[in-house]
N, C-alpha and C. Protein backbone atom coordinates (compact mmCIF):
# COMPACT_ATOMS: atom_id res chain seq x y z
N MET A 1 209.83 51.69 -30.08
CA MET A 1 210.50 52.37 -31.18
C MET A 1 209.71 53.59 -31.64
N GLU A 2 208.44 53.68 -31.22
CA GLU A 2 207.64 54.82 -31.68
C GLU A 2 208.00 56.11 -30.96
N TRP A 3 208.48 56.05 -29.71
CA TRP A 3 208.79 57.27 -28.96
C TRP A 3 209.91 58.08 -29.58
N PRO A 4 211.04 57.48 -29.98
CA PRO A 4 212.10 58.30 -30.58
C PRO A 4 211.67 58.97 -31.88
N ILE A 5 210.89 58.25 -32.67
CA ILE A 5 210.41 58.82 -33.92
C ILE A 5 209.44 59.97 -33.64
N THR A 6 208.56 59.78 -32.68
CA THR A 6 207.60 60.83 -32.32
C THR A 6 208.32 62.06 -31.79
N PHE A 7 209.31 61.87 -30.92
CA PHE A 7 210.07 63.01 -30.40
C PHE A 7 210.86 63.70 -31.50
N ALA A 8 211.38 62.94 -32.46
CA ALA A 8 212.10 63.54 -33.58
C ALA A 8 211.17 64.41 -34.42
N PHE A 9 209.95 63.93 -34.66
CA PHE A 9 208.98 64.73 -35.42
C PHE A 9 208.56 65.97 -34.65
N ILE A 10 208.37 65.84 -33.33
CA ILE A 10 208.00 67.00 -32.52
C ILE A 10 209.11 68.05 -32.56
N ALA A 11 210.35 67.61 -32.44
CA ALA A 11 211.48 68.54 -32.50
C ALA A 11 211.61 69.19 -33.87
N ALA A 12 211.47 68.39 -34.92
CA ALA A 12 211.62 68.93 -36.28
C ALA A 12 210.51 69.92 -36.62
N PHE A 13 209.26 69.53 -36.32
CA PHE A 13 208.15 70.44 -36.64
C PHE A 13 208.13 71.66 -35.73
N GLY A 14 208.58 71.51 -34.50
CA GLY A 14 208.70 72.66 -33.61
C GLY A 14 209.74 73.64 -34.11
N ALA A 15 210.89 73.12 -34.55
CA ALA A 15 211.93 73.99 -35.09
C ALA A 15 211.48 74.65 -36.39
N LEU A 16 210.81 73.89 -37.25
CA LEU A 16 210.33 74.46 -38.51
C LEU A 16 209.26 75.52 -38.27
N THR A 17 208.37 75.29 -37.31
CA THR A 17 207.35 76.28 -36.97
C THR A 17 207.99 77.56 -36.45
N ALA A 18 208.97 77.41 -35.56
CA ALA A 18 209.64 78.58 -35.01
C ALA A 18 210.41 79.34 -36.08
N PHE A 19 211.13 78.62 -36.94
CA PHE A 19 211.89 79.28 -38.00
C PHE A 19 210.98 79.98 -38.99
N ALA A 20 209.91 79.30 -39.41
CA ALA A 20 209.00 79.90 -40.38
C ALA A 20 208.26 81.09 -39.78
N GLY A 21 207.93 81.03 -38.50
CA GLY A 21 207.31 82.17 -37.84
C GLY A 21 208.25 83.35 -37.77
N TRP A 22 209.53 83.09 -37.48
CA TRP A 22 210.52 84.17 -37.48
C TRP A 22 210.72 84.74 -38.87
N LYS A 23 210.81 83.85 -39.86
CA LYS A 23 211.05 84.28 -41.24
C LYS A 23 209.88 85.08 -41.80
N SER A 24 208.65 84.71 -41.41
CA SER A 24 207.49 85.44 -41.92
C SER A 24 207.34 86.81 -41.27
N SER A 25 207.99 87.02 -40.11
CA SER A 25 207.88 88.32 -39.46
C SER A 25 208.94 89.31 -39.95
N GLN A 26 209.88 88.85 -40.75
CA GLN A 26 210.92 89.73 -41.27
C GLN A 26 210.34 90.62 -42.37
N PRO A 27 210.76 91.89 -42.44
CA PRO A 27 210.25 92.77 -43.50
C PRO A 27 210.75 92.32 -44.88
N ARG A 28 209.93 92.53 -45.87
CA ARG A 28 210.30 92.16 -47.24
C ARG A 28 211.26 93.18 -47.80
N LYS A 29 212.20 92.73 -48.58
CA LYS A 29 213.13 93.62 -49.25
C LYS A 29 212.46 94.13 -50.52
N ASP A 30 212.78 95.36 -50.87
CA ASP A 30 212.24 95.92 -52.11
C ASP A 30 213.02 95.35 -53.30
N SER A 31 212.40 94.42 -53.98
CA SER A 31 213.01 93.82 -55.16
C SER A 31 211.91 93.33 -56.08
N LEU A 32 212.29 93.08 -57.29
CA LEU A 32 211.32 92.59 -58.28
C LEU A 32 211.24 91.06 -58.29
N ARG A 33 212.09 90.42 -57.53
CA ARG A 33 212.08 88.96 -57.49
C ARG A 33 210.89 88.47 -56.68
N ALA A 34 210.28 87.42 -57.17
CA ALA A 34 209.13 86.83 -56.47
C ALA A 34 209.62 85.96 -55.32
N ARG A 35 208.82 85.89 -54.26
CA ARG A 35 209.11 84.97 -53.15
C ARG A 35 208.59 83.60 -53.52
N TRP A 36 209.45 82.61 -53.44
CA TRP A 36 209.06 81.26 -53.82
C TRP A 36 208.41 80.51 -52.68
N ILE A 37 208.67 80.94 -51.46
CA ILE A 37 208.12 80.27 -50.30
C ILE A 37 207.24 81.25 -49.54
N SER A 38 206.01 80.87 -49.28
CA SER A 38 205.11 81.67 -48.45
C SER A 38 205.29 81.22 -47.01
N TRP A 39 206.06 82.00 -46.23
CA TRP A 39 206.40 81.58 -44.88
C TRP A 39 205.21 81.51 -43.95
N PRO A 40 204.19 82.37 -44.06
CA PRO A 40 203.02 82.17 -43.19
C PRO A 40 202.31 80.83 -43.45
N VAL A 41 202.28 80.38 -44.70
CA VAL A 41 201.66 79.09 -45.01
C VAL A 41 202.51 77.95 -44.45
N VAL A 42 203.84 78.07 -44.55
CA VAL A 42 204.72 77.06 -43.97
C VAL A 42 204.52 77.00 -42.46
N THR A 43 204.37 78.17 -41.82
CA THR A 43 204.12 78.22 -40.37
C THR A 43 202.83 77.48 -40.03
N LEU A 44 201.80 77.72 -40.80
CA LEU A 44 200.51 77.07 -40.55
C LEU A 44 200.60 75.56 -40.69
N PHE A 45 201.17 75.08 -41.78
CA PHE A 45 201.28 73.63 -42.00
C PHE A 45 202.18 72.95 -40.98
N ALA A 46 203.32 73.58 -40.68
CA ALA A 46 204.22 72.98 -39.69
C ALA A 46 203.57 72.97 -38.31
N GLY A 47 202.82 74.02 -37.97
CA GLY A 47 202.12 74.05 -36.69
C GLY A 47 201.05 72.97 -36.60
N CYS A 48 200.34 72.74 -37.70
CA CYS A 48 199.33 71.67 -37.71
C CYS A 48 199.98 70.30 -37.56
N LEU A 49 201.08 70.07 -38.25
CA LEU A 49 201.77 68.79 -38.12
C LEU A 49 202.37 68.62 -36.73
N LEU A 50 202.83 69.72 -36.12
CA LEU A 50 203.30 69.66 -34.74
C LEU A 50 202.18 69.28 -33.80
N LEU A 51 200.99 69.83 -34.02
CA LEU A 51 199.84 69.49 -33.18
C LEU A 51 199.50 68.01 -33.31
N PHE A 52 199.52 67.47 -34.53
CA PHE A 52 199.25 66.04 -34.71
C PHE A 52 200.30 65.18 -34.03
N ALA A 53 201.56 65.60 -34.07
CA ALA A 53 202.62 64.83 -33.42
C ALA A 53 202.45 64.85 -31.90
N VAL A 54 202.04 65.99 -31.35
CA VAL A 54 201.80 66.07 -29.90
C VAL A 54 200.60 65.21 -29.51
N ILE A 55 199.56 65.21 -30.32
CA ILE A 55 198.40 64.35 -30.05
C ILE A 55 198.80 62.88 -30.12
N HIS A 56 199.66 62.53 -31.07
CA HIS A 56 200.14 61.16 -31.17
C HIS A 56 200.94 60.78 -29.92
N ALA A 57 201.76 61.70 -29.42
CA ALA A 57 202.52 61.44 -28.20
C ALA A 57 201.58 61.26 -27.01
N ALA A 58 200.51 62.05 -26.96
CA ALA A 58 199.53 61.89 -25.89
C ALA A 58 198.86 60.52 -25.97
N ASN A 59 198.57 60.06 -27.17
CA ASN A 59 197.99 58.73 -27.34
C ASN A 59 198.96 57.63 -26.91
N LEU A 60 200.24 57.82 -27.21
CA LEU A 60 201.23 56.83 -26.77
C LEU A 60 201.36 56.83 -25.26
N TRP A 61 201.13 57.96 -24.62
CA TRP A 61 201.25 58.09 -23.17
C TRP A 61 200.04 57.48 -22.45
N GLY A 62 198.96 57.22 -23.20
CA GLY A 62 197.79 56.59 -22.61
C GLY A 62 196.58 57.50 -22.51
N ILE A 63 196.69 58.73 -22.98
CA ILE A 63 195.55 59.64 -23.00
C ILE A 63 194.76 59.35 -24.27
N HIS A 64 193.52 58.94 -24.11
CA HIS A 64 192.73 58.55 -25.27
C HIS A 64 192.09 59.77 -25.90
N THR A 65 192.36 59.95 -27.18
CA THR A 65 191.73 61.01 -27.97
C THR A 65 191.02 60.35 -29.13
N GLY A 66 189.96 60.97 -29.58
CA GLY A 66 189.30 60.41 -30.75
C GLY A 66 187.87 60.05 -30.49
N SER A 67 187.39 59.04 -31.20
CA SER A 67 185.96 58.70 -31.22
C SER A 67 185.47 58.15 -29.87
N ARG A 68 186.33 57.46 -29.12
CA ARG A 68 185.86 56.93 -27.84
C ARG A 68 185.55 58.05 -26.85
N THR A 69 186.24 59.16 -26.97
CA THR A 69 185.97 60.30 -26.10
C THR A 69 184.61 60.91 -26.42
N LEU A 70 184.27 61.00 -27.70
CA LEU A 70 183.01 61.59 -28.11
C LEU A 70 181.82 60.70 -27.73
N SER A 71 182.01 59.40 -27.71
CA SER A 71 180.89 58.50 -27.42
C SER A 71 180.42 58.62 -25.96
N LYS A 72 181.31 59.07 -25.06
CA LYS A 72 180.91 59.22 -23.67
C LYS A 72 179.90 60.35 -23.48
N TYR A 73 179.96 61.34 -24.36
CA TYR A 73 179.12 62.52 -24.22
C TYR A 73 177.92 62.50 -25.17
N GLY A 74 177.63 61.38 -25.75
CA GLY A 74 176.45 61.25 -26.59
C GLY A 74 176.65 61.74 -28.01
N GLY A 75 177.89 61.86 -28.47
CA GLY A 75 178.20 62.38 -29.82
C GLY A 75 178.21 61.34 -30.87
């Protein structure tokens, strides 16, 4: 049951990262209204969450990430 949820998160965060990246590259309109959403910050957070979801998928696939990897190299 973890695979469908992981793929859903990867798709959602991938789409949000792409949309926020596109939105942050658009020129600002000349107006006195404040922007309520900082799209570069949304891009950064969504990209980080996408990276964590991909790492989780790698762990589900059997690729070990984390402390056991560091212990092999004397860390």
